[in-house]
Amino acid sequence: MASPPGKSGRLGLIFIAPAFLYLVAITIVPTIMLVRYAFSSWEIADIRPIDFVGFETFRAVLSNPITLDNFRATFVFVFSAVLIELVLGMAIALVLARSFRGATLIRTLMIAPVITVPIGAGYIWRYILHPDYGVLNWFMEVLHLPYIQWLGAKPWSMWAIVIADVWQWTPFVMLILLAGLVSIPQTLYEAAKIDGASKLQLFWFITLPLMGPTIAIAVVLRLIWAMKSFDTIFAMTRGGPGTYTSILNYEIFKQAFFQFHTAYAAAMGVIVLIITVIITRSFLYFSK
């Protein structure tokens, strides 16, 4: 006998209640606290009650010259990393979408960077790019190429963290795009080949349009994750030289846990949240 609709609905609520409470505890409650602190002047060592000051903390953030450097670093890092990962991910996915000996093994091995802990990946690349005993500078010396201060000079320090991010997250983008490529019906390609379409035309008029939603998902996920990058920058450059690689998320960490400006860091967090939502929503809208 089927259960009454009311009983079935209550049973469903019981099953989803743990997940809902967990979601509230780790996302909604911290977000409310973040907004609350952002509109105050409270600091982590302050024993006084929270004093609400309206938008004064936001004005302090936006009027600080360092914030402009943080915006610049964030834009350069996020745009460069996501663009390179998308291009490389698409190229690798197109190769691995074909059936050839060893394709499965290669796909499996390429997952290794993704499952690497980001802080570990950052230290790995810190040693590879170390100016004195790094493998890359040693190899460049063997080839009689100029010495590069990868982690302590402009613009190489920015490219260093971009390279580390690309190494770790390109396989993730590739996996998403590969799933989209496999789902495209082969009959479309066969019909186009009969009509005399070239490989470039197949990609431009069939693959790319049908991959639109998949590309949008990959880009949005990487935009969000790149905006909140911290581990790699902490391990490799500490935001230096100066504030050259100190993106907004890393500046939030410094303000909160080095200078103990809790309200200032919270205001920056709200700004990052708003920017991320606007960028992702705009990209999803125009990708349609």
Protein backbone atom coordinates (compact mmCIF):
# COMPACT_ATOMS: atom_id res chain seq x y z
CA MET A 1 0.00 0.00 0.00
CA ALA A 2 1.34 3.42 -0.97
CA SER A 3 2.10 5.88 1.80
CA PRO A 4 -0.16 8.93 2.12
CA PRO A 5 1.34 12.07 0.50
CA GLY A 6 1.59 13.84 3.85
CA LYS A 7 3.52 11.02 5.46
CA SER A 8 5.82 10.71 2.44
CA GLY A 9 6.57 14.43 2.54
CA ARG A 10 7.41 14.35 6.25
CA LEU A 11 9.67 11.36 5.68
CA GLY A 12 11.50 13.25 2.93
CA LEU A 13 12.01 16.23 5.24
CA ILE A 14 13.50 13.94 7.87
CA PHE A 15 16.01 12.57 5.35
CA ILE A 16 17.12 15.99 4.06
CA ALA A 17 17.17 17.64 7.51
CA PRO A 18 20.81 16.66 8.36
CA ALA A 19 22.10 18.00 5.02
CA PHE A 20 20.06 21.18 5.40
CA LEU A 21 21.29 21.81 8.96
CA TYR A 22 24.88 21.19 7.84
CA LEU A 23 24.43 23.66 4.99
CA VAL A 24 23.02 26.26 7.37
CA ALA A 25 25.89 25.74 9.83
CA ILE A 26 28.76 26.06 7.33
CA THR A 27 27.38 28.61 4.86
CA ILE A 28 24.38 30.65 5.96
CA VAL A 29 25.45 31.33 9.56
CA PRO A 30 29.05 32.33 8.64
CA THR A 31 27.73 34.56 5.86
CA ILE A 32 25.39 36.36 8.25
CA MET A 33 28.25 36.83 10.72
CA LEU A 34 30.51 38.09 7.90
CA VAL A 35 27.99 40.76 6.90
CA ARG A 36 27.44 41.68 10.56
CA TYR A 37 31.14 42.24 11.19
CA ALA A 38 31.55 44.11 7.88
CA PHE A 39 29.21 46.87 9.05
CA SER A 40 31.03 47.28 12.35
CA SER A 41 34.39 48.41 13.69
CA TRP A 42 34.91 45.29 15.82
CA GLU A 43 38.30 43.60 16.01
CA ILE A 44 39.10 40.07 17.14
CA ALA A 45 40.83 41.25 20.33
CA ASP A 46 38.07 43.75 21.16
CA ILE A 47 36.12 42.86 24.32
CA ARG A 48 33.60 45.66 23.82
CA PRO A 49 30.18 45.04 22.24
CA ILE A 50 30.01 45.28 18.46
CA ASP A 51 29.70 48.90 17.36
CA PHE A 52 27.91 49.26 14.00
CA VAL A 53 29.35 52.02 11.82
CA GLY A 54 27.40 51.52 8.59
CA PHE A 55 29.48 51.73 5.42
CA GLU A 56 32.52 53.32 7.07
CA THR A 57 34.53 50.10 6.94
CA PHE A 58 33.73 49.66 3.25
CA ARG A 59 34.87 53.24 2.60
CA ALA A 60 38.12 52.50 4.42
CA VAL A 61 38.68 49.42 2.26
CA LEU A 62 37.92 51.12 -1.05
CA SER A 63 39.94 54.23 -0.21
CA ASN A 64 43.05 52.24 0.72
CA PRO A 65 45.63 52.37 -2.14
CA ILE A 66 46.64 48.78 -1.36
CA THR A 67 43.13 47.63 -2.28
CA LEU A 68 43.71 48.80 -5.86
CA ASP A 69 46.82 46.61 -5.99
CA ASN A 70 44.76 43.72 -4.66
CA PHE A 71 42.14 44.21 -7.36
CA ARG A 72 44.82 44.35 -10.05
CA ALA A 73 46.54 41.22 -8.77
CA THR A 74 43.21 39.38 -8.53
CA PHE A 75 42.20 40.30 -12.08
CA VAL A 76 45.55 39.36 -13.60
CA PHE A 77 45.77 36.08 -11.71
CA VAL A 78 42.17 34.94 -12.25
CA PHE A 79 41.96 35.98 -15.92
CA SER A 80 45.35 34.50 -16.85
CA ALA A 81 44.89 31.23 -14.98
CA VAL A 82 41.32 30.52 -16.11
CA LEU A 83 42.02 31.43 -19.75
CA ILE A 84 45.12 29.23 -19.97
CA GLU A 85 43.37 26.35 -18.20
CA LEU A 86 40.41 26.58 -20.58
CA VAL A 87 42.58 26.57 -23.70
CA LEU A 88 44.89 23.78 -22.49
CA GLY A 89 41.97 21.79 -21.06
CA MET A 90 40.12 21.94 -24.37
CA ALA A 91 43.23 20.94 -26.35
CA ILE A 92 43.97 17.97 -24.08
CA ALA A 93 40.30 16.92 -24.03
CA LEU A 94 40.19 16.90 -27.85
CA VAL A 95 43.22 14.59 -27.89
CA LEU A 96 41.99 12.25 -25.16
CA ALA A 97 38.49 12.05 -26.64
CA ARG A 98 39.93 9.85 -29.37
CA SER A 99 40.37 6.12 -28.89
CA PHE A 100 44.02 5.06 -28.86
CA ARG A 101 46.23 2.73 -26.88
CA GLY A 102 47.00 4.10 -23.44
CA ALA A 103 44.26 6.77 -23.43
CA THR A 104 42.68 5.40 -20.25
CA LEU A 105 46.04 5.33 -18.45
CA ILE A 106 46.83 8.90 -19.49
CA ARG A 107 43.42 10.12 -18.29
CA THR A 108 44.00 8.44 -14.94
CA LEU A 109 47.50 9.86 -14.47
CA MET A 110 46.35 13.37 -15.30
CA ILE A 111 44.10 13.38 -12.23
CA ALA A 112 47.17 13.43 -9.94
CA PRO A 113 47.56 17.25 -9.80
CA VAL A 114 43.87 17.72 -8.97
CA ILE A 115 43.99 15.45 -5.92
CA THR A 116 47.18 17.12 -4.66
CA VAL A 117 46.66 19.32 -1.59
CA PRO A 118 46.92 22.95 -2.82
CA ILE A 119 49.38 23.95 -0.10
CA GLY A 120 51.52 20.95 -1.06
CA ALA A 121 51.36 21.91 -4.73
CA GLY A 122 52.45 25.42 -3.79
CA TYR A 123 55.52 24.19 -1.91
CA ILE A 124 56.40 21.80 -4.76
CA TRP A 125 56.43 24.69 -7.22
CA ARG A 126 58.27 26.87 -4.72
CA TYR A 127 61.15 24.40 -4.75
CA ILE A 128 60.98 23.96 -8.54
CA LEU A 129 61.15 27.74 -9.08
CA HIS A 130 63.56 28.53 -6.24
CA PRO A 131 66.17 31.02 -7.55
CA ASP A 132 69.19 29.22 -6.07
CA TYR A 133 68.51 25.47 -6.04
CA GLY A 134 65.34 25.22 -8.12
CA VAL A 135 65.20 22.65 -10.90
CA LEU A 136 63.90 25.11 -13.50
CA ASN A 137 66.71 27.65 -13.07
CA TRP A 138 69.27 24.81 -13.13
CA PHE A 139 67.79 23.55 -16.40
CA MET A 140 67.81 27.08 -17.84
CA GLU A 141 71.46 27.42 -16.87
CA VAL A 142 72.26 24.20 -18.72
CA LEU A 143 70.60 25.66 -21.82
CA HIS A 144 72.51 28.95 -21.31
CA LEU A 145 69.28 30.87 -20.76
CA PRO A 146 69.14 33.97 -18.51
CA TYR A 147 68.67 33.59 -14.76
CA ILE A 148 65.16 34.45 -13.54
CA GLN A 149 64.10 35.44 -10.02
CA TRP A 150 60.77 33.60 -10.23
CA LEU A 151 59.43 34.27 -6.74
CA GLY A 152 60.81 37.68 -5.86
CA ALA A 153 60.64 39.88 -8.95
CA LYS A 154 58.02 41.38 -11.23
CA PRO A 155 56.38 40.07 -13.40
CA TRP A 156 57.80 36.59 -12.80
CA SER A 157 56.23 36.12 -9.36
CA MET A 158 52.74 36.49 -10.85
CA TRP A 159 53.55 34.04 -13.62
CA ALA A 160 54.94 31.63 -11.02
CA ILE A 161 51.63 31.34 -9.15
CA VAL A 162 49.71 31.22 -12.45
CA ILE A 163 51.90 28.32 -13.61
CA ALA A 164 51.29 26.45 -10.35
CA ASP A 165 47.53 27.02 -10.59
CA VAL A 166 47.44 25.95 -14.24
CA TRP A 167 49.38 22.77 -13.44
CA GLN A 168 46.95 21.80 -10.70
CA TRP A 169 43.59 22.72 -12.22
CA THR A 170 43.95 22.19 -15.98
CA PRO A 171 43.19 18.44 -15.56
CA PHE A 172 39.96 19.35 -13.75
CA VAL A 173 38.85 21.58 -16.63
CA MET A 174 39.92 18.86 -19.06
CA LEU A 175 37.74 16.26 -17.33
CA ILE A 176 34.65 18.48 -17.52
CA LEU A 177 35.26 19.29 -21.18
CA LEU A 178 36.04 15.65 -21.98
CA ALA A 179 32.67 14.61 -20.56
CA GLY A 180 31.00 17.18 -22.81
CA LEU A 181 32.92 16.05 -25.89
CA VAL A 182 32.01 12.40 -25.37
CA SER A 183 28.31 13.30 -25.15
CA ILE A 184 28.22 14.91 -28.63
CA PRO A 185 26.55 12.53 -31.16
CA GLN A 186 29.06 11.26 -33.70
CA THR A 187 26.38 11.31 -36.42
CA LEU A 188 26.71 15.10 -36.54
CA TYR A 189 30.39 14.84 -37.43
CA GLU A 190 29.75 12.11 -39.98
CA ALA A 191 27.06 14.17 -41.73
CA ALA A 192 29.31 17.24 -41.77
CA LYS A 193 32.23 15.25 -43.20
CA ILE A 194 29.99 14.01 -46.00
CA ASP A 195 29.20 17.65 -46.79
CA GLY A 196 32.95 18.35 -47.02
CA ALA A 197 33.54 20.13 -43.71
CA SER A 198 37.16 20.51 -42.59
CA LYS A 199 38.43 19.72 -39.09
CA LEU A 200 38.41 23.42 -38.20
CA GLN A 201 34.81 23.76 -39.40
CA LEU A 202 33.81 20.68 -37.40
CA PHE A 203 35.24 22.26 -34.27
CA TRP A 204 33.88 25.76 -34.90
CA PHE A 205 30.35 24.89 -36.05
CA ILE A 206 29.64 21.65 -34.14
CA THR A 207 31.97 21.09 -31.19
CA LEU A 208 32.17 24.64 -29.85
CA PRO A 209 28.42 25.48 -29.97
CA LEU A 210 27.40 22.16 -28.40
CA MET A 211 30.10 22.53 -25.74
CA GLY A 212 28.78 25.94 -24.67
CA PRO A 213 26.99 24.81 -21.46
CA THR A 214 29.90 22.56 -20.49
CA ILE A 215 32.43 25.35 -21.04
CA ALA A 216 30.25 27.70 -18.97
CA ILE A 217 30.23 25.24 -16.05
CA ALA A 218 34.00 24.77 -16.19
CA VAL A 219 34.71 28.51 -16.39
CA VAL A 220 32.29 29.43 -13.59
CA LEU A 221 33.73 26.81 -11.24
CA ARG A 222 37.28 27.90 -11.96
CA LEU A 223 36.39 31.59 -11.61
CA ILE A 224 34.95 30.96 -8.16
CA TRP A 225 37.86 28.80 -7.02
CA ALA A 226 40.49 31.14 -8.48
CA MET A 227 38.92 34.14 -6.73
CA LYS A 228 39.34 32.39 -3.38
CA SER A 229 42.86 31.07 -4.01
CA PHE A 230 45.08 31.23 -0.97
CA ASP A 231 47.20 28.12 -0.42
CA THR A 232 49.42 28.45 -3.49
CA ILE A 233 50.11 32.14 -2.90
CA PHE A 234 50.84 31.55 0.79
CA ALA A 235 53.30 28.77 -0.02
CA MET A 236 55.08 30.47 -2.93
CA THR A 237 55.20 34.26 -2.63
CA ARG A 238 53.36 35.36 0.56
CA GLY A 239 51.75 38.00 -1.65
CA GLY A 240 55.09 39.53 -2.65
CA PRO A 241 57.09 41.20 -3.87
CA GLY A 242 55.28 43.93 -1.96
CA THR A 243 51.61 43.41 -2.80
CA TYR A 244 52.23 42.32 -6.40
CA THR A 245 50.70 38.83 -5.95
CA SER A 246 48.46 39.64 -2.97
CA ILE A 247 45.01 38.95 -4.39
CA LEU A 248 41.91 40.00 -2.46
CA ASN A 249 41.49 36.66 -0.70
CA TYR A 250 45.09 36.65 0.52
CA GLU A 251 44.76 40.26 1.71
CA ILE A 252 41.72 39.20 3.74
CA PHE A 253 43.89 36.58 5.45
CA LYS A 254 46.59 39.12 6.26
CA GLN A 255 44.14 41.68 7.62
CA ALA A 256 42.29 39.11 9.76
CA PHE A 257 45.12 36.99 11.16
CA PHE A 258 48.21 39.21 11.01
CA GLN A 259 46.84 42.67 11.75
CA PHE A 260 43.65 41.45 13.52
CA HIS A 261 41.41 43.91 11.65
CA THR A 262 38.36 41.69 11.72
CA ALA A 263 35.81 44.22 10.46
CA TYR A 264 38.15 45.35 7.67
CA ALA A 265 38.70 41.74 6.56
CA ALA A 266 34.96 41.05 6.75
CA ALA A 267 34.22 44.06 4.54
CA MET A 268 36.75 42.81 2.00
CA GLY A 269 35.11 39.39 2.18
CA VAL A 270 31.71 40.88 1.38
CA ILE A 271 33.23 42.78 -1.56
CA VAL A 272 34.81 39.57 -2.90
CA LEU A 273 31.48 37.76 -2.51
CA ILE A 274 29.61 40.48 -4.43
CA ILE A 275 32.23 40.58 -7.20
CA THR A 276 32.18 36.78 -7.55
CA VAL A 277 28.38 36.67 -7.78
CA ILE A 278 28.30 39.47 -10.37
CA ILE A 279 31.02 37.88 -12.53
CA THR A 280 29.51 34.40 -12.48
CA ARG A 281 25.95 35.61 -13.10
CA SER A 282 27.12 37.86 -15.94
CA PHE A 283 29.11 35.05 -17.54
CA LEU A 284 26.20 32.62 -17.31
CA TYR A 285 23.86 35.24 -18.79
CA PHE A 286 26.08 36.08 -21.77
CA SER A 287 27.03 32.42 -22.34
CA LYS A 288 23.41 31.72 -23.28
